Amino acid sequence: MKLAARVSRIAPSPTLAMAATAKAMAAQGLDVVDFSSGEPDFDTPEPVKAAAEAAIRAGFTKYTPSSGIDELRQAIIEKLHAEQGLRYEKSQVLVSCGAKHSLYNLAEALLEAGDEIIIPTPYWVSYSDQALLNDATPVFLRTSETSGYAINPDELQRLVTPRTKAIIVNSPCNPTGATYDRKTLEAIATIAVRHKILIVSDEIYEKVLYGGATHISIATLSSEVAAQTVVINGVSKAYAMTGWRIGYAAGPKDLLTAMANIQSQSTSNPCSISQKAAVAALKLGGPFTEKMVVEFDRRRRFMVDRLNSIPGVSCRMPSGAFYAFPNISGVLGRKGPRGPITSPQELANHLLKEAHVAVVPGEPFGSPHHIRLSYATSMESIQHGLDRLAGAFEKLSV
């Protein structure tokens, strides 16, 4: 069978693939410590589950409007106004089957052959593949670990061409945990407005912040910037609702209408029950999120300190999200049982096979020098897994 050419441009999500491998090994009875999964280990809050149960009992199990129920869209509007001062109408808000689905709807509505989208590196793995699936070209804006992964405005300006359609802004960032300050956002916005480039602001980790870090949505800088920005968010990370699959987009009416039309012909509506649960999350989930972030902070400091104690490894302290992104350049080149380990991918394979520790290699995030570990798992697992990881590194020969 001859498949569409677009299929050959992409690979399966490496984070989901590694998590699936770890789960398959665990199902075989192997004791695997999984640092690959990008989801909180906390249970969904009780008020959210209660809202879902009530929806089931009330028979709220049929189709809904494809763009989402009015109650949820209104809750999103109220959230964006109360927390960030942003004002949207319901026609500017689209509820989808997760933030990833929101981003894909956007890519389908915006991008076509010949278009370019600027993606700062390191980046979340799906940004580039979604562009490729829609015939566009991802253009990578390199950032450096030494500068805290800050965007250099001069470098951004240099990458802008007549074909540039959009730029991704992901703060807090997956995988680095870096956050953008107001000055950086203002510089990005100035360039985007000057060249009429759409800003895609992925804010899914906005509530997972540490050490006094604050979240600033780039859309809040001015009405002119807001008119050129699509805000992407969801309930997965902040309320431990990854499996409920509710994300949303808010932005310019014509673009959101196009995205809604695409969704109506693909998935139709998001799950009816999950939508009712998401309303409860947005209205009642604040205390839960605060407690979860306190625990994430404890794990963050422990994991990063421990990683920095391993010879050949260095790790910045992330200010957001729930990932450590250690630089393992000092380990590459050492020898394992099957010869030299020369890349993060080879190191990840080695750790899974020899130490039964699952991490995600840096290459799919745009880095040949890092691996990603999630600390959205128990402290016991973190301690156990880092013991194994340190032991595996120690056994590598120079």
Protein backbone atom coordinates (compact mmCIF):
# COMPACT_ATOMS: atom_id res chain seq x y z
CA MET A 1 0.00 0.00 0.00
CA LYS A 2 1.32 3.44 -0.91
CA LEU A 3 0.94 5.76 2.05
CA ALA A 4 0.77 9.54 2.00
CA ALA A 5 4.18 11.20 1.87
CA ARG A 6 3.49 13.09 5.10
CA VAL A 7 3.68 9.84 7.08
CA SER A 8 7.37 9.49 6.29
CA ARG A 9 8.15 12.95 7.68
CA ILE A 10 7.41 12.06 11.29
CA ALA A 11 8.08 9.46 13.96
CA PRO A 12 5.92 8.33 16.88
CA SER A 13 6.06 10.57 19.94
CA PRO A 14 9.32 9.56 21.71
CA THR A 15 7.98 10.39 25.15
CA LEU A 16 4.92 8.18 24.67
CA ALA A 17 7.07 5.47 23.08
CA MET A 18 9.49 5.38 26.00
CA ALA A 19 6.64 5.37 28.52
CA ALA A 20 4.99 2.50 26.63
CA THR A 21 8.23 0.51 26.64
CA ALA A 22 8.65 1.05 30.37
CA LYS A 23 5.08 -0.10 31.02
CA ALA A 24 5.57 -3.16 28.82
CA MET A 25 8.69 -4.13 30.77
CA ALA A 26 6.84 -3.63 34.05
CA ALA A 27 4.04 -5.88 32.75
CA GLN A 28 6.67 -8.57 32.24
CA GLY A 29 7.52 -8.36 35.93
CA LEU A 30 10.59 -6.12 35.64
CA ASP A 31 11.06 -3.38 38.23
CA VAL A 32 11.33 -0.26 36.02
CA VAL A 33 11.61 3.28 37.36
CA ASP A 34 9.85 5.49 34.84
CA PHE A 35 11.10 9.08 34.53
CA SER A 36 9.68 9.43 31.03
CA SER A 37 6.03 10.22 31.61
CA GLY A 38 4.90 13.83 31.42
CA GLU A 39 1.95 13.48 33.74
CA PRO A 40 1.38 14.14 37.45
CA ASP A 41 1.29 11.06 39.65
CA PHE A 42 -1.44 12.66 41.77
CA ASP A 43 -5.03 11.51 41.48
CA THR A 44 -7.57 13.84 39.87
CA PRO A 45 -9.13 16.09 42.57
CA GLU A 46 -12.27 14.77 44.26
CA PRO A 47 -14.52 17.71 43.24
CA VAL A 48 -13.58 17.06 39.63
CA LYS A 49 -14.39 13.36 39.87
CA ALA A 50 -17.65 14.21 41.63
CA ALA A 51 -18.65 16.53 38.78
CA ALA A 52 -17.94 13.76 36.28
CA GLU A 53 -19.98 11.26 38.27
CA ALA A 54 -22.85 13.71 38.49
CA ALA A 55 -22.72 14.21 34.73
CA ILE A 56 -22.93 10.45 34.17
CA ARG A 57 -25.87 10.09 36.60
CA ALA A 58 -27.65 12.97 34.88
CA GLY A 59 -27.27 11.28 31.50
CA PHE A 60 -24.89 13.91 30.13
CA THR A 61 -23.42 11.31 27.81
CA LYS A 62 -24.46 12.49 24.35
CA TYR A 63 -22.91 14.68 21.68
CA THR A 64 -22.22 18.27 22.64
CA PRO A 65 -21.49 21.25 20.39
CA SER A 66 -18.25 20.40 18.60
CA SER A 67 -16.50 23.51 19.98
CA GLY A 68 -17.35 22.62 23.57
CA ILE A 69 -20.27 23.25 25.90
CA ASP A 70 -21.11 26.87 26.71
CA GLU A 71 -20.55 26.27 30.42
CA LEU A 72 -16.93 25.24 29.88
CA ARG A 73 -16.18 27.93 27.33
CA GLN A 74 -17.57 30.51 29.73
CA ALA A 75 -15.43 29.09 32.56
CA ILE A 76 -12.37 29.43 30.32
CA ILE A 77 -13.30 33.02 29.46
CA GLU A 78 -13.70 33.84 33.15
CA LYS A 79 -10.41 32.15 34.01
CA LEU A 80 -8.47 34.07 31.37
CA HIS A 81 -10.02 37.37 32.45
CA ALA A 82 -9.66 36.84 36.21
CA GLU A 83 -6.07 35.58 36.09
CA GLN A 84 -4.62 37.49 33.15
CA GLY A 85 -7.02 40.30 32.30
CA LEU A 86 -7.65 38.85 28.82
CA ARG A 87 -11.08 39.28 27.24
CA TYR A 88 -12.56 36.80 24.79
CA GLU A 89 -15.98 36.00 23.39
CA LYS A 90 -17.21 32.42 23.15
CA SER A 91 -16.60 32.48 19.40
CA GLN A 92 -12.89 32.98 20.22
CA VAL A 93 -12.61 29.88 22.43
CA LEU A 94 -12.36 26.29 21.23
CA VAL A 95 -12.34 23.25 23.53
CA SER A 96 -10.49 20.25 22.10
CA CYS A 97 -9.31 16.77 23.04
CA GLY A 98 -6.21 17.98 24.91
CA ALA A 99 -3.79 20.84 24.33
CA LYS A 100 -1.95 18.72 21.73
CA HIS A 101 -5.20 18.52 19.75
CA SER A 102 -5.61 22.30 20.08
CA LEU A 103 -2.14 22.76 18.62
CA TYR A 104 -2.85 20.36 15.78
CA ASN A 105 -6.11 22.13 14.92
CA LEU A 106 -4.10 25.34 14.80
CA ALA A 107 -1.43 23.84 12.55
CA GLU A 108 -4.06 22.54 10.13
CA ALA A 109 -5.89 25.88 10.01
CA LEU A 110 -2.76 28.03 9.65
CA LEU A 111 0.06 26.18 7.90
CA GLU A 112 0.57 25.00 4.34
CA ALA A 113 3.38 24.21 1.92
CA GLY A 114 5.99 26.97 1.83
CA ASP A 115 5.19 28.29 5.30
CA GLU A 116 7.75 28.42 8.09
CA ILE A 117 7.21 28.30 11.84
CA ILE A 118 9.95 29.37 14.26
CA ILE A 119 10.47 26.97 17.17
CA PRO A 120 12.94 27.83 19.98
CA THR A 121 15.09 24.88 20.98
CA PRO A 122 15.00 22.78 23.08
CA TYR A 123 11.31 22.26 22.26
CA TRP A 124 8.42 19.95 22.99
CA VAL A 125 8.64 17.04 20.59
CA SER A 126 5.32 17.51 18.77
CA TYR A 127 5.77 21.11 17.59
CA SER A 128 8.00 20.23 14.66
CA ASP A 129 6.17 17.07 13.62
CA GLN A 130 2.81 18.86 13.58
CA ALA A 131 4.32 21.48 11.26
CA LEU A 132 5.72 18.76 9.00
CA LEU A 133 2.38 16.95 8.88
CA ASN A 134 0.88 20.16 7.50
CA ASP A 135 3.56 20.66 4.84
CA ALA A 136 5.28 23.55 6.64
CA THR A 137 8.95 23.90 7.56
CA PRO A 138 10.05 24.13 11.21
CA VAL A 139 12.83 26.69 11.65
CA PHE A 140 14.78 26.19 14.87
CA LEU A 141 15.87 29.12 17.00
CA ARG A 142 18.83 27.94 19.04
CA THR A 143 19.00 28.93 22.71
CA SER A 144 21.77 28.11 25.15
CA GLU A 145 21.85 26.49 28.53
CA THR A 146 24.31 29.11 29.78
CA SER A 147 21.80 31.90 29.10
CA GLY A 148 18.97 30.03 30.79
CA TYR A 149 17.50 29.18 27.37
CA ALA A 150 16.54 32.81 26.83
CA ILE A 151 15.57 33.88 23.31
CA ASN A 152 18.02 36.28 21.69
CA PRO A 153 15.92 38.89 19.80
CA ASP A 154 18.67 39.42 17.22
CA GLU A 155 18.73 35.69 16.46
CA LEU A 156 14.94 35.66 16.20
CA GLN A 157 14.96 38.61 13.82
CA ARG A 158 17.59 36.91 11.69
CA LEU A 159 15.34 33.87 11.17
CA VAL A 160 12.29 35.83 10.05
CA THR A 161 11.57 35.57 6.32
CA PRO A 162 8.56 36.41 4.14
CA ARG A 163 7.52 32.78 4.66
CA THR A 164 7.44 33.00 8.48
CA LYS A 165 3.87 32.33 9.59
CA ALA A 166 4.19 31.78 13.35
CA ILE A 167 6.49 31.47 16.34
CA ILE A 168 6.05 29.13 19.29
CA VAL A 169 6.33 30.53 22.82
CA ASN A 170 6.33 27.81 25.49
CA SER A 171 6.73 29.16 29.03
CA PRO A 172 7.22 27.34 31.34
CA CYS A 173 9.02 25.14 28.85
CA ASN A 174 8.93 21.42 28.29
CA PRO A 175 11.66 20.06 28.49
CA THR A 176 13.91 22.69 30.11
CA GLY A 177 11.59 24.13 32.77
CA ALA A 178 12.73 27.62 31.72
CA THR A 179 10.39 30.60 31.96
CA TYR A 180 10.41 33.85 29.97
CA ASP A 181 10.46 37.20 31.74
CA ARG A 182 8.55 40.27 30.59
CA LYS A 183 11.54 41.77 28.78
CA THR A 184 12.00 38.65 26.67
CA LEU A 185 8.29 38.46 25.86
CA GLU A 186 8.23 42.13 24.87
CA ALA A 187 11.13 41.59 22.48
CA ILE A 188 9.38 38.60 20.88
CA ALA A 189 6.12 40.53 20.61
CA THR A 190 7.78 43.54 18.99
CA ILE A 191 9.22 41.38 16.23
CA ALA A 192 6.00 39.39 15.77
CA VAL A 193 3.85 42.51 15.48
CA ARG A 194 6.30 44.20 13.09
CA HIS A 195 6.25 41.22 10.73
CA LYS A 196 2.62 40.17 11.33
CA ILE A 197 3.68 36.77 12.68
CA LEU A 198 1.21 34.75 14.73
CA ILE A 199 2.36 33.99 18.27
CA VAL A 200 1.42 30.52 19.53
CA SER A 201 1.63 30.75 23.31
CA ASP A 202 1.64 27.26 24.87
CA GLU A 203 0.82 27.88 28.54
CA ILE A 204 -0.02 24.36 29.66
CA TYR A 205 2.48 24.52 32.58
CA GLU A 206 1.51 28.04 33.69
CA LYS A 207 0.58 26.97 37.22
CA VAL A 208 3.62 24.76 37.83
CA LEU A 209 6.14 27.38 39.01
CA TYR A 210 8.79 27.50 41.72
CA GLY A 211 10.97 29.87 43.70
CA GLY A 212 8.94 33.00 43.11
CA ALA A 213 8.77 32.57 39.33
CA THR A 214 5.67 34.12 37.78
CA HIS A 215 3.79 33.37 34.60
CA ILE A 216 3.19 36.17 32.12
CA SER A 217 1.06 35.44 29.09
CA ILE A 218 2.49 37.24 26.07
CA ALA A 219 -1.09 38.06 25.06
CA THR A 220 -1.36 40.43 28.04
CA LEU A 221 1.30 42.83 26.74
CA SER A 222 -1.13 44.83 24.60
CA SER A 223 -4.35 44.54 22.61
CA GLU A 224 -2.24 44.55 19.43
CA VAL A 225 -0.22 41.57 20.67
CA ALA A 226 -3.35 39.74 21.84
CA ALA A 227 -4.82 40.11 18.35
CA GLN A 228 -1.85 38.17 16.98
CA THR A 229 -1.70 35.51 19.69
CA VAL A 230 -3.37 32.15 20.19
CA VAL A 231 -3.24 31.00 23.82
CA ILE A 232 -3.08 27.21 24.21
CA ASN A 233 -3.84 25.62 27.57
CA GLY A 234 -5.70 22.76 29.20
CA VAL A 235 -6.45 20.95 32.44
CA SER A 236 -4.06 18.01 32.10
CA LYS A 237 -1.01 19.26 34.01
CA ALA A 238 -2.46 21.67 36.58
CA TYR A 239 -5.24 19.35 37.77
CA ALA A 240 -3.78 15.86 37.14
CA MET A 241 -6.27 15.21 34.34
CA THR A 242 -4.05 13.90 31.54
CA GLY A 243 -6.42 11.08 30.59
CA TRP A 244 -9.51 13.29 30.56
CA ARG A 245 -8.26 14.94 27.34
CA ILE A 246 -9.44 18.54 27.61
CA GLY A 247 -7.43 21.40 26.14
CA TYR A 248 -8.43 24.74 24.75
CA ALA A 249 -7.39 27.58 22.49
CA ALA A 250 -8.31 31.27 22.66
CA GLY A 251 -7.45 33.81 20.01
CA PRO A 252 -8.50 35.70 16.87
CA LYS A 253 -12.06 34.91 15.86
CA ASP A 254 -11.41 34.03 12.20
CA LEU A 255 -8.63 31.61 13.09
CA LEU A 256 -10.59 30.00 15.94
CA THR A 257 -13.59 29.61 13.64
CA ALA A 258 -11.41 27.79 11.11
CA MET A 259 -10.01 25.55 13.85
CA ALA A 260 -13.54 24.79 15.04
CA ASN A 261 -14.63 23.85 11.53
CA ILE A 262 -11.69 21.47 11.22
CA GLN A 263 -12.52 19.89 14.57
CA SER A 264 -16.15 19.44 13.56
CA GLN A 265 -14.98 17.27 10.69
CA SER A 266 -12.40 15.28 12.66
CA THR A 267 -13.21 14.52 16.29
CA SER A 268 -16.50 16.41 16.68
CA ASN A 269 -16.86 17.31 20.35
CA PRO A 270 -14.50 16.51 23.23
CA CYS A 271 -15.82 13.97 25.74
CA SER A 272 -19.03 15.30 27.30
CA ILE A 273 -18.22 14.00 30.78
CA SER A 274 -14.68 15.37 30.69
CA GLN A 275 -16.03 18.80 29.81
CA LYS A 276 -18.18 18.86 32.96
CA ALA A 277 -15.15 17.72 34.95
CA ALA A 278 -13.04 20.51 33.43
CA VAL A 279 -15.56 23.12 34.56
CA ALA A 280 -15.13 21.89 38.13
CA ALA A 281 -11.35 21.89 37.76
CA LEU A 282 -11.22 25.50 36.60
CA LYS A 283 -13.58 26.66 39.34
CA LEU A 284 -12.52 24.48 42.30
CA GLY A 285 -9.07 23.08 41.52
CA GLY A 286 -6.85 25.89 42.81
CA PRO A 287 -6.08 24.48 46.29
CA PHE A 288 -5.25 21.07 44.80
CA THR A 289 -2.79 22.59 42.33
CA GLU A 290 -1.04 24.59 45.04
CA LYS A 291 -0.49 21.49 47.18
CA MET A 292 0.74 19.49 44.20
CA VAL A 293 3.26 22.17 43.22
CA VAL A 294 4.66 22.26 46.78
CA GLU A 295 5.41 18.55 46.48
CA PHE A 296 6.83 18.94 42.99
CA ASP A 297 9.15 21.62 44.36
CA ARG A 298 10.48 19.23 46.99
CA ARG A 299 11.13 16.58 44.36
CA ARG A 300 12.64 19.12 41.96
CA ARG A 301 15.29 20.26 44.42
CA PHE A 302 16.14 16.70 45.42
CA MET A 303 16.44 15.42 41.84
CA VAL A 304 18.52 18.32 40.54
CA ASP A 305 20.87 18.27 43.53
CA ARG A 306 21.35 14.53 43.13
CA LEU A 307 21.94 14.78 39.38
CA ASN A 308 24.57 17.46 39.94
CA SER A 309 26.41 15.12 42.30
CA ILE A 310 26.99 12.58 39.52
CA PRO A 311 30.38 13.00 37.77
CA GLY A 312 29.93 14.08 34.15
CA VAL A 313 26.39 15.38 34.69
CA SER A 314 25.24 18.98 35.18
CA CYS A 315 21.67 20.18 35.58
CA ARG A 316 20.10 23.64 35.76
CA MET A 317 17.42 24.17 38.38
CA PRO A 318 14.15 24.51 36.44
CA SER A 319 11.80 27.33 37.42
CA GLY A 320 8.67 25.68 36.02
CA ALA A 321 7.03 22.48 34.70
CA PHE A 322 8.10 19.15 36.24
CA TYR A 323 11.17 18.07 34.32
CA ALA A 324 14.91 18.01 34.92
CA PHE A 325 16.98 18.37 31.74
CA PRO A 326 20.51 17.37 32.69
CA ASN A 327 23.47 17.89 30.39
CA ILE A 328 25.20 14.53 29.99
CA SER A 329 28.02 15.64 27.67
CA GLY A 330 30.57 14.56 30.27
CA VAL A 331 29.27 11.00 30.10
CA LEU A 332 29.13 10.63 26.33
CA GLY A 333 32.05 8.70 24.91
CA ARG A 334 32.29 6.37 27.87
CA LYS A 335 31.96 2.64 27.22
CA GLY A 336 29.20 0.27 28.21
CA PRO A 337 28.85 -3.48 27.59
CA ARG A 338 28.15 -2.89 23.88
CA GLY A 339 30.79 -0.24 23.23
CA PRO A 340 31.00 3.57 23.45
CA ILE A 341 27.86 5.54 24.27
CA THR A 342 27.94 8.50 21.92
CA SER A 343 24.45 10.04 22.07
CA PRO A 344 21.57 10.68 24.47
CA GLN A 345 19.55 8.05 22.58
CA GLU A 346 22.23 5.42 23.17
CA LEU A 347 22.47 6.46 26.81
CA ALA A 348 18.68 6.22 27.27
CA ASN A 349 18.71 2.73 25.72
CA HIS A 350 21.59 1.73 28.00
CA LEU A 351 19.85 3.00 31.15
CA LEU A 352 16.63 1.19 30.28
CA LYS A 353 18.36 -2.09 29.47
CA GLU A 354 21.04 -2.16 32.15
CA ALA A 355 19.51 -0.16 35.03
CA HIS A 356 15.78 -0.44 34.27
CA VAL A 357 15.44 3.35 34.37
CA ALA A 358 13.37 5.06 31.67
CA VAL A 359 14.44 8.55 30.57
CA VAL A 360 13.78 10.44 27.34
CA PRO A 361 16.77 11.24 25.11
CA GLY A 362 17.41 14.84 24.14
CA GLU A 363 17.49 14.47 20.35
CA PRO A 364 13.69 14.69 19.82
CA PHE A 365 13.73 17.89 21.89
CA GLY A 366 16.44 19.34 19.67
CA SER A 367 19.43 18.68 21.93
CA PRO A 368 22.31 16.23 21.39
CA HIS A 369 23.62 16.87 24.91
CA HIS A 370 20.71 16.21 27.31
CA ILE A 371 18.22 13.69 28.63
CA ARG A 372 14.86 14.50 30.22
CA LEU A 373 13.65 13.13 33.55
CA SER A 374 10.20 13.79 34.97
CA TYR A 375 9.89 14.28 38.71
CA ALA A 376 6.12 13.89 38.52
CA THR A 377 6.53 10.59 40.31
CA SER A 378 6.89 9.58 43.94
CA MET A 379 9.89 10.59 46.01
CA GLU A 380 10.53 6.92 46.67
CA SER A 381 10.73 6.23 42.93
CA ILE A 382 12.97 9.27 42.43
CA GLN A 383 15.41 8.14 45.13
CA HIS A 384 15.43 4.56 43.87
CA GLY A 385 15.77 5.56 40.22
CA LEU A 386 18.58 8.05 40.82
CA ASP A 387 20.48 5.43 42.82
CA ARG A 388 20.28 3.13 39.80
CA LEU A 389 21.17 5.90 37.38
CA ALA A 390 24.23 6.93 39.40
CA GLY A 391 25.32 3.31 39.66
CA ALA A 392 24.93 2.80 35.91
CA PHE A 393 27.01 5.91 35.15
CA GLU A 394 29.71 4.78 37.57
CA LYS A 395 30.05 1.46 35.75
CA LEU A 396 30.76 3.14 32.40
CA SER A 397 34.46 3.02 31.58
CA VAL A 398 36.42 5.93 30.17
